[in-house]
């Protein structure tokens, strides 16, 4: 089963989220690529998404999930009690995405931004597609 997460490589919150996921994905189910990188851009094009997308993107077995749906589907596959967050998938998407959008619009202001994309630790390098 292929699981790829596309993330904003310059966003501090997004980079922290990737590290959070890696630490709770002990089986190594997820691969990662930045939205800004060549692989991320090719995947966005392949699936017909805008290459300027400003969202978390989760690809699972050739299916695309964005915004809160993508994030909650990732939680479903993490170790520990994080799986329980996927229960929020029962809420209508417009409600979940309303709160998701508040975070997205303020993430640089609240958490900061890097000038360049994160470089993975050597032990994580095989999990990154860029």
C-alpha atoms as a PDB file:
ATOM      1  CA  UNK A   1       0.000   0.000   0.000  1.00  0.00           C
ATOM      2  CA  UNK A   2       1.475   3.314  -1.079  1.00  0.00           C
ATOM      3  CA  UNK A   3       1.038   6.270   1.264  1.00  0.00           C
ATOM      4  CA  UNK A   4       2.589   9.617   0.389  1.00  0.00           C
ATOM      5  CA  UNK A   5       2.243  12.876   2.285  1.00  0.00           C
ATOM      6  CA  UNK A   6       2.850  16.152   0.475  1.00  0.00           C
ATOM      7  CA  UNK A   7       3.584  19.010   2.845  1.00  0.00           C
ATOM      8  CA  UNK A   8       4.624  22.658   2.815  1.00  0.00           C
ATOM      9  CA  UNK A   9       8.392  22.338   3.127  1.00  0.00           C
ATOM     10  CA  UNK A  10       8.958  25.875   4.442  1.00  0.00           C
ATOM     11  CA  UNK A  11       6.230  25.819   7.114  1.00  0.00           C
ATOM     12  CA  UNK A  12       7.473  25.167  10.653  1.00  0.00           C
ATOM     13  CA  UNK A  13       4.150  23.596  11.677  1.00  0.00           C
ATOM     14  CA  UNK A  14       4.199  21.312   8.639  1.00  0.00           C
ATOM     15  CA  UNK A  15       7.795  20.252   9.246  1.00  0.00           C
ATOM     16  CA  UNK A  16       7.004  19.516  12.891  1.00  0.00           C
ATOM     17  CA  UNK A  17       3.981  17.514  11.770  1.00  0.00           C
ATOM     18  CA  UNK A  18       6.149  15.402   9.456  1.00  0.00           C
ATOM     19  CA  UNK A  19       8.542  14.670  12.320  1.00  0.00           C
ATOM     20  CA  UNK A  20       5.577  13.842  14.553  1.00  0.00           C
ATOM     21  CA  UNK A  21       4.223  11.389  11.965  1.00  0.00           C
ATOM     22  CA  UNK A  22       7.603   9.724  11.392  1.00  0.00           C
ATOM     23  CA  UNK A  23       8.018   9.080  15.121  1.00  0.00           C
ATOM     24  CA  UNK A  24       4.561   7.458  15.303  1.00  0.00           C
ATOM     25  CA  UNK A  25       4.868   5.503  12.067  1.00  0.00           C
ATOM     26  CA  UNK A  26       7.276   2.864  13.300  1.00  0.00           C
ATOM     27  CA  UNK A  27       6.518   0.554  10.351  1.00  0.00           C
ATOM     28  CA  UNK A  28       7.576   3.227   7.867  1.00  0.00           C
ATOM     29  CA  UNK A  29       4.266   3.234   5.990  1.00  0.00           C
ATOM     30  CA  UNK A  30       4.476   6.876   4.947  1.00  0.00           C
ATOM     31  CA  UNK A  31       6.735   8.546   2.410  1.00  0.00           C
ATOM     32  CA  UNK A  32       7.079  12.323   2.227  1.00  0.00           C
ATOM     33  CA  UNK A  33       7.654  15.010  -0.383  1.00  0.00           C
ATOM     34  CA  UNK A  34       7.474  18.770  -0.126  1.00  0.00           C
ATOM     35  CA  UNK A  35       4.861  20.564  -2.182  1.00  0.00           C
ATOM     36  CA  UNK A  36       7.617  22.816  -3.517  1.00  0.00           C
ATOM     37  CA  UNK A  37       9.965  20.016  -4.615  1.00  0.00           C
ATOM     38  CA  UNK A  38      10.171  18.347  -8.027  1.00  0.00           C
ATOM     39  CA  UNK A  39       8.532  15.112  -6.842  1.00  0.00           C
ATOM     40  CA  UNK A  40       5.738  16.956  -5.053  1.00  0.00           C
ATOM     41  CA  UNK A  41       5.062  19.081  -8.136  1.00  0.00           C
ATOM     42  CA  UNK A  42       4.996  15.999 -10.408  1.00  0.00           C
ATOM     43  CA  UNK A  43       2.539  14.245  -8.081  1.00  0.00           C
ATOM     44  CA  UNK A  44       0.280  17.305  -7.969  1.00  0.00           C
ATOM     45  CA  UNK A  45       0.248  17.413 -11.757  1.00  0.00           C
ATOM     46  CA  UNK A  46      -0.321  13.655 -12.019  1.00  0.00           C
ATOM     47  CA  UNK A  47      -3.442  13.902  -9.858  1.00  0.00           C
ATOM     48  CA  UNK A  48      -4.735  17.094 -11.465  1.00  0.00           C
ATOM     49  CA  UNK A  49      -4.186  19.352  -8.450  1.00  0.00           C
ATOM     50  CA  UNK A  50      -3.110  22.970  -8.679  1.00  0.00           C
ATOM     51  CA  UNK A  51       0.672  23.123  -8.280  1.00  0.00           C
ATOM     52  CA  UNK A  52       0.194  26.187  -6.052  1.00  0.00           C
ATOM     53  CA  UNK A  53      -2.015  24.232  -3.631  1.00  0.00           C
ATOM     54  CA  UNK A  54      -1.830  25.438  -0.054  1.00  0.00           C
ATOM     55  CA  UNK A  55      -2.937  22.258   1.686  1.00  0.00           C
ATOM     56  CA  UNK A  56      -1.860  19.024   3.265  1.00  0.00           C
ATOM     57  CA  UNK A  57      -2.154  16.313   0.587  1.00  0.00           C
ATOM     58  CA  UNK A  58      -2.339  12.598   1.360  1.00  0.00           C
ATOM     59  CA  UNK A  59      -2.081  10.046  -1.430  1.00  0.00           C
ATOM     60  CA  UNK A  60      -3.154   6.533  -0.524  1.00  0.00           C
ATOM     61  CA  UNK A  61      -3.306   3.869  -3.224  1.00  0.00           C
ATOM     62  CA  UNK A  62      -3.714   6.399  -6.038  1.00  0.00           C
ATOM     63  CA  UNK A  63      -6.490   8.278  -4.170  1.00  0.00           C
ATOM     64  CA  UNK A  64      -6.081  11.916  -3.123  1.00  0.00           C
ATOM     65  CA  UNK A  65      -7.214  13.354   0.205  1.00  0.00           C
ATOM     66  CA  UNK A  66      -6.682  17.027   1.076  1.00  0.00           C
ATOM     67  CA  UNK A  67      -7.123  19.320   4.051  1.00  0.00           C
ATOM     68  CA  UNK A  68      -8.739  17.805   7.154  1.00  0.00           C
ATOM     69  CA  UNK A  69      -9.677  14.570   5.385  1.00  0.00           C
ATOM     70  CA  UNK A  70      -6.050  13.915   4.482  1.00  0.00           C
ATOM     71  CA  UNK A  71      -4.777  14.734   7.955  1.00  0.00           C
ATOM     72  CA  UNK A  72      -7.372  12.557   9.692  1.00  0.00           C
ATOM     73  CA  UNK A  73      -6.772   9.641   7.331  1.00  0.00           C
ATOM     74  CA  UNK A  74      -3.082   9.839   8.255  1.00  0.00           C
ATOM     75  CA  UNK A  75      -4.024   9.711  11.950  1.00  0.00           C
ATOM     76  CA  UNK A  76      -5.892   6.469  11.260  1.00  0.00           C
ATOM     77  CA  UNK A  77      -2.540   4.851  10.429  1.00  0.00           C
ATOM     78  CA  UNK A  78      -0.442   6.133  13.344  1.00  0.00           C
ATOM     79  CA  UNK A  79       0.561   4.145  16.399  1.00  0.00           C
ATOM     80  CA  UNK A  80      -1.120   4.781  19.713  1.00  0.00           C
ATOM     81  CA  UNK A  81      -4.253   6.690  20.558  1.00  0.00           C
ATOM     82  CA  UNK A  82      -3.778   9.058  17.597  1.00  0.00           C
ATOM     83  CA  UNK A  83      -5.949   6.661  15.579  1.00  0.00           C
ATOM     84  CA  UNK A  84      -8.953   7.905  17.556  1.00  0.00           C
ATOM     85  CA  UNK A  85      -8.719  11.326  15.872  1.00  0.00           C
ATOM     86  CA  UNK A  86      -9.939   9.680  12.671  1.00  0.00           C
ATOM     87  CA  UNK A  87     -13.362   9.495  14.351  1.00  0.00           C
ATOM     88  CA  UNK A  88     -13.722  13.173  13.372  1.00  0.00           C
ATOM     89  CA  UNK A  89     -14.156  11.960   9.782  1.00  0.00           C
ATOM     90  CA  UNK A  90     -17.837  11.483  10.639  1.00  0.00           C
ATOM     91  CA  UNK A  91     -18.238  15.276  10.860  1.00  0.00           C
ATOM     92  CA  UNK A  92     -19.201  16.979   7.614  1.00  0.00           C
ATOM     93  CA  UNK A  93     -16.132  18.016   5.654  1.00  0.00           C
ATOM     94  CA  UNK A  94     -17.185  21.683   5.483  1.00  0.00           C
ATOM     95  CA  UNK A  95     -17.115  21.861   9.303  1.00  0.00           C
ATOM     96  CA  UNK A  96     -13.733  20.113   9.599  1.00  0.00           C
ATOM     97  CA  UNK A  97     -12.243  22.188   6.793  1.00  0.00           C
ATOM     98  CA  UNK A  98     -13.499  25.436   8.339  1.00  0.00           C
ATOM     99  CA  UNK A  99     -11.186  24.861  11.320  1.00  0.00           C
ATOM    100  CA  UNK A 100      -8.433  23.481   9.101  1.00  0.00           C
ATOM    101  CA  UNK A 101      -8.494  26.695   7.022  1.00  0.00           C
ATOM    102  CA  UNK A 102      -8.120  28.877  10.125  1.00  0.00           C
ATOM    103  CA  UNK A 103      -4.889  27.046  10.948  1.00  0.00           C
ATOM    104  CA  UNK A 104      -3.653  27.148   7.338  1.00  0.00           C
ATOM    105  CA  UNK A 105      -4.228  30.887   7.011  1.00  0.00           C
ATOM    106  CA  UNK A 106      -2.341  31.623  10.240  1.00  0.00           C
ATOM    107  CA  UNK A 107       0.352  28.940  10.266  1.00  0.00           C
ATOM    108  CA  UNK A 108       3.248  31.202   9.233  1.00  0.00           C
ATOM    109  CA  UNK A 109       2.206  33.895  11.698  1.00  0.00           C
ATOM    110  CA  UNK A 110       1.725  31.429  14.585  1.00  0.00           C
ATOM    111  CA  UNK A 111       4.539  28.942  13.898  1.00  0.00           C
ATOM    112  CA  UNK A 112       6.954  30.695  11.550  1.00  0.00           C
ATOM    113  CA  UNK A 113       8.443  29.916   8.195  1.00  0.00           C
ATOM    114  CA  UNK A 114      11.825  28.693   6.937  1.00  0.00           C
ATOM    115  CA  UNK A 115      13.663  30.093   3.938  1.00  0.00           C
ATOM    116  CA  UNK A 116      14.305  26.589   2.555  1.00  0.00           C
ATOM    117  CA  UNK A 117      12.745  23.161   2.842  1.00  0.00           C
ATOM    118  CA  UNK A 118      13.626  20.888   5.749  1.00  0.00           C
ATOM    119  CA  UNK A 119      16.520  18.482   5.321  1.00  0.00           C
ATOM    120  CA  UNK A 120      15.615  15.084   6.780  1.00  0.00           C
ATOM    121  CA  UNK A 121      17.778  13.395   9.374  1.00  0.00           C
ATOM    122  CA  UNK A 122      20.010  10.708   7.826  1.00  0.00           C
ATOM    123  CA  UNK A 123      17.940   7.917   9.389  1.00  0.00           C
ATOM    124  CA  UNK A 124      14.789   9.343   7.756  1.00  0.00           C
ATOM    125  CA  UNK A 125      16.279  10.076   4.321  1.00  0.00           C
ATOM    126  CA  UNK A 126      14.816   6.933   2.710  1.00  0.00           C
ATOM    127  CA  UNK A 127      11.308   8.128   3.657  1.00  0.00           C
ATOM    128  CA  UNK A 128      11.606  11.314   1.567  1.00  0.00           C
ATOM    129  CA  UNK A 129      10.939  11.276  -2.165  1.00  0.00           C
ATOM    130  CA  UNK A 130      12.624  14.573  -3.114  1.00  0.00           C
END
